Amino acid sequence: MELKHYHAEVSDGKGLIPGSNSFGEVQYRVIGENARWAVIDDACFTTLSKDVSSSPTYYPVISVPSIHMDIADKVWGSRVTYNLYTYEPKAAKVIRREIEAAIKKKVGFFLQGVNLEFIKDEA
């Protein structure tokens, strides 16, 4: 069985770390699983939870996006990262909408005008 990992990062570079815009999709083989957990064949043998209600906060949950934001941070500047592990393909426009909604909900006007046009489906 295969899992897709979608990762996006947008950063303005106003901290110590240079800014970057990146988006990618990687496919991983599931090498072990039970009713609650799955382990993928990446460099760290990442453990993923299958159930959001019983997952500790530090485990990624399959089919639930993880969106992290730093605003005016001294190291990162303003930065948004998106990670999603899923069995189903996800369109880039859906990922953009999820990131935009998270920005609006969490920080509103503090992070306006983020250009997410680089998040595109592969041709």
C-alpha atoms as a PDB file:
ATOM      1  CA  MET A   1       0.000   0.000   0.000  1.00  0.00           C
ATOM      2  CA  GLU A   2       1.229   3.523  -0.799  1.00  0.00           C
ATOM      3  CA  LEU A   3       0.738   6.863   0.984  1.00  0.00           C
ATOM      4  CA  LYS A   4       1.211  10.287  -0.570  1.00  0.00           C
ATOM      5  CA  HIS A   5       2.955  13.056   1.368  1.00  0.00           C
ATOM      6  CA  TYR A   6       2.188  16.609   0.281  1.00  0.00           C
ATOM      7  CA  HIS A   7       4.467  19.347   1.602  1.00  0.00           C
ATOM      8  CA  ALA A   8       4.277  23.080   0.953  1.00  0.00           C
ATOM      9  CA  GLU A   9       6.286  25.917   2.458  1.00  0.00           C
ATOM     10  CA  VAL A  10       6.086  29.648   1.883  1.00  0.00           C
ATOM     11  CA  SER A  11       8.412  32.069   3.667  1.00  0.00           C
ATOM     12  CA  ASP A  12       9.067  35.787   3.206  1.00  0.00           C
ATOM     13  CA  GLY A  13      12.745  35.590   4.224  1.00  0.00           C
ATOM     14  CA  LYS A  14      12.558  38.451   6.725  1.00  0.00           C
ATOM     15  CA  GLY A  15      14.298  36.361   9.380  1.00  0.00           C
ATOM     16  CA  LEU A  16      17.734  34.752   9.442  1.00  0.00           C
ATOM     17  CA  ILE A  17      16.646  31.930   7.119  1.00  0.00           C
ATOM     18  CA  PRO A  18      16.259  32.902   3.445  1.00  0.00           C
ATOM     19  CA  GLY A  19      12.711  32.888   2.070  1.00  0.00           C
ATOM     20  CA  SER A  20      11.463  30.043  -0.046  1.00  0.00           C
ATOM     21  CA  ASN A  21       8.424  28.753  -1.855  1.00  0.00           C
ATOM     22  CA  SER A  22       8.275  25.001  -2.299  1.00  0.00           C
ATOM     23  CA  PHE A  23       5.628  22.411  -3.050  1.00  0.00           C
ATOM     24  CA  GLY A  24       6.028  18.717  -3.606  1.00  0.00           C
ATOM     25  CA  GLU A  25       4.458  15.306  -3.483  1.00  0.00           C
ATOM     26  CA  VAL A  26       6.292  12.123  -2.496  1.00  0.00           C
ATOM     27  CA  GLN A  27       4.923   8.611  -2.393  1.00  0.00           C
ATOM     28  CA  TYR A  28       5.909   6.233   0.422  1.00  0.00           C
ATOM     29  CA  ARG A  29       5.330   2.543   0.880  1.00  0.00           C
ATOM     30  CA  VAL A  30       3.545   1.489   4.078  1.00  0.00           C
ATOM     31  CA  ILE A  31       5.804  -1.101   5.706  1.00  0.00           C
ATOM     32  CA  GLY A  32       3.735  -1.878   8.793  1.00  0.00           C
ATOM     33  CA  GLU A  33       0.296  -1.124  10.114  1.00  0.00           C
ATOM     34  CA  ASN A  34      -2.441  -2.132  12.484  1.00  0.00           C
ATOM     35  CA  ALA A  35      -5.885  -0.691  13.243  1.00  0.00           C
ATOM     36  CA  ARG A  36      -4.449   2.473  14.827  1.00  0.00           C
ATOM     37  CA  TRP A  37      -1.003   3.130  13.290  1.00  0.00           C
ATOM     38  CA  ALA A  38       0.896   2.992  10.005  1.00  0.00           C
ATOM     39  CA  VAL A  39       4.666   3.174   9.482  1.00  0.00           C
ATOM     40  CA  ILE A  40       6.097   4.404   6.187  1.00  0.00           C
ATOM     41  CA  ASP A  41       9.376   3.578   4.494  1.00  0.00           C
ATOM     42  CA  ASP A  42      11.089   6.982   4.713  1.00  0.00           C
ATOM     43  CA  ALA A  43      14.442   7.899   6.265  1.00  0.00           C
ATOM     44  CA  CYS A  44      12.956   8.001   9.790  1.00  0.00           C
ATOM     45  CA  PHE A  45      10.312   5.243   9.507  1.00  0.00           C
ATOM     46  CA  THR A  46       7.664   7.859  10.291  1.00  0.00           C
ATOM     47  CA  THR A  47       4.733   6.661  12.397  1.00  0.00           C
ATOM     48  CA  LEU A  48       1.320   7.979  11.365  1.00  0.00           C
ATOM     49  CA  SER A  49      -1.905   7.793  13.305  1.00  0.00           C
ATOM     50  CA  LYS A  50      -5.081   6.591  11.611  1.00  0.00           C
ATOM     51  CA  ASP A  51      -7.440   8.165  14.155  1.00  0.00           C
ATOM     52  CA  VAL A  52      -7.408  11.867  15.034  1.00  0.00           C
ATOM     53  CA  SER A  53      -9.393  11.399  18.255  1.00  0.00           C
ATOM     54  CA  SER A  54      -6.835   9.102  19.891  1.00  0.00           C
ATOM     55  CA  SER A  55      -3.614  10.479  18.424  1.00  0.00           C
ATOM     56  CA  PRO A  56      -1.054  12.246  20.592  1.00  0.00           C
ATOM     57  CA  THR A  57      -0.437  15.728  19.196  1.00  0.00           C
ATOM     58  CA  TYR A  58       3.060  14.961  17.914  1.00  0.00           C
ATOM     59  CA  TYR A  59       1.999  12.228  15.444  1.00  0.00           C
ATOM     60  CA  PRO A  60       0.768  13.162  11.970  1.00  0.00           C
ATOM     61  CA  VAL A  61      -2.727  11.849  11.268  1.00  0.00           C
ATOM     62  CA  ILE A  62      -3.515  10.272   7.913  1.00  0.00           C
ATOM     63  CA  SER A  63      -5.818  12.471   5.776  1.00  0.00           C
ATOM     64  CA  VAL A  64      -5.622  15.412   8.224  1.00  0.00           C
ATOM     65  CA  PRO A  65      -3.454  18.344   7.095  1.00  0.00           C
ATOM     66  CA  SER A  66      -0.961  19.876   9.505  1.00  0.00           C
ATOM     67  CA  ILE A  67      -0.495  23.622   8.982  1.00  0.00           C
ATOM     68  CA  HIS A  68       2.101  25.516  11.025  1.00  0.00           C
ATOM     69  CA  MET A  69       2.705  29.277  10.990  1.00  0.00           C
ATOM     70  CA  ASP A  70       5.439  31.577  12.227  1.00  0.00           C
ATOM     71  CA  ILE A  71       4.609  35.283  12.089  1.00  0.00           C
ATOM     72  CA  ALA A  72       7.410  37.890  12.183  1.00  0.00           C
ATOM     73  CA  ASP A  73       9.745  35.327  13.748  1.00  0.00           C
ATOM     74  CA  LYS A  74      13.390  36.406  14.164  1.00  0.00           C
ATOM     75  CA  VAL A  75      14.651  33.197  12.548  1.00  0.00           C
ATOM     76  CA  TRP A  76      11.948  32.268  10.008  1.00  0.00           C
ATOM     77  CA  GLY A  77      10.315  35.605   9.275  1.00  0.00           C
ATOM     78  CA  SER A  78       6.709  34.897   8.322  1.00  0.00           C
ATOM     79  CA  ARG A  79       6.393  31.277   7.266  1.00  0.00           C
ATOM     80  CA  VAL A  80       3.644  28.749   6.613  1.00  0.00           C
ATOM     81  CA  THR A  81       4.241  25.010   6.276  1.00  0.00           C
ATOM     82  CA  TYR A  82       1.691  22.431   5.152  1.00  0.00           C
ATOM     83  CA  ASN A  83       2.007  18.654   5.502  1.00  0.00           C
ATOM     84  CA  LEU A  84      -0.498  15.983   4.571  1.00  0.00           C
ATOM     85  CA  TYR A  85      -0.211  12.189   4.425  1.00  0.00           C
ATOM     86  CA  THR A  86      -3.081  10.589   2.521  1.00  0.00           C
ATOM     87  CA  TYR A  87      -4.058   7.565   0.465  1.00  0.00           C
ATOM     88  CA  GLU A  88      -6.079   9.715  -1.948  1.00  0.00           C
ATOM     89  CA  PRO A  89      -4.654  12.264  -4.409  1.00  0.00           C
ATOM     90  CA  LYS A  90      -5.332  15.893  -3.507  1.00  0.00           C
ATOM     91  CA  ALA A  91      -5.601  18.748  -5.994  1.00  0.00           C
ATOM     92  CA  ALA A  92      -3.271  21.719  -5.563  1.00  0.00           C
ATOM     93  CA  LYS A  93      -6.205  24.151  -5.565  1.00  0.00           C
ATOM     94  CA  VAL A  94      -7.694  22.328  -2.551  1.00  0.00           C
ATOM     95  CA  ILE A  95      -4.361  22.582  -0.708  1.00  0.00           C
ATOM     96  CA  ARG A  96      -4.196  26.330  -1.495  1.00  0.00           C
ATOM     97  CA  ARG A  97      -7.736  26.805  -0.121  1.00  0.00           C
ATOM     98  CA  GLU A  98      -6.854  24.903   3.079  1.00  0.00           C
ATOM     99  CA  ILE A  99      -3.782  27.084   3.642  1.00  0.00           C
ATOM    100  CA  GLU A 100      -5.699  30.309   2.911  1.00  0.00           C
ATOM    101  CA  ALA A 101      -8.494  29.291   5.314  1.00  0.00           C
ATOM    102  CA  ALA A 102      -5.953  28.458   8.062  1.00  0.00           C
ATOM    103  CA  ILE A 103      -4.235  31.823   7.608  1.00  0.00           C
ATOM    104  CA  LYS A 104      -7.548  33.681   7.761  1.00  0.00           C
ATOM    105  CA  LYS A 105      -8.693  31.743  10.838  1.00  0.00           C
ATOM    106  CA  LYS A 106      -5.453  31.865  12.844  1.00  0.00           C
ATOM    107  CA  VAL A 107      -3.785  35.173  12.035  1.00  0.00           C
ATOM    108  CA  GLY A 108      -6.121  37.183   9.790  1.00  0.00           C
ATOM    109  CA  PHE A 109      -4.654  40.513   8.743  1.00  0.00           C
ATOM    110  CA  PHE A 110      -1.210  39.783  10.253  1.00  0.00           C
ATOM    111  CA  LEU A 111      -0.339  37.661   7.218  1.00  0.00           C
ATOM    112  CA  GLN A 112      -2.128  39.074   4.190  1.00  0.00           C
ATOM    113  CA  GLY A 113      -1.213  38.752   0.547  1.00  0.00           C
ATOM    114  CA  VAL A 114       0.595  35.419   0.699  1.00  0.00           C
ATOM    115  CA  ASN A 115       1.089  34.259  -2.876  1.00  0.00           C
ATOM    116  CA  LEU A 116       0.342  30.547  -3.132  1.00  0.00           C
ATOM    117  CA  GLU A 117       0.285  30.355  -6.936  1.00  0.00           C
ATOM    118  CA  PHE A 118       3.423  28.193  -6.896  1.00  0.00           C
ATOM    119  CA  ILE A 119       1.285  25.351  -5.490  1.00  0.00           C
ATOM    120  CA  LYS A 120       0.324  23.629  -8.732  1.00  0.00           C
ATOM    121  CA  ASP A 121      -0.551  20.132  -9.841  1.00  0.00           C
ATOM    122  CA  GLU A 122       2.297  18.418 -11.646  1.00  0.00           C
ATOM    123  CA  ALA A 123       1.915  18.419 -15.405  1.00  0.00           C
END
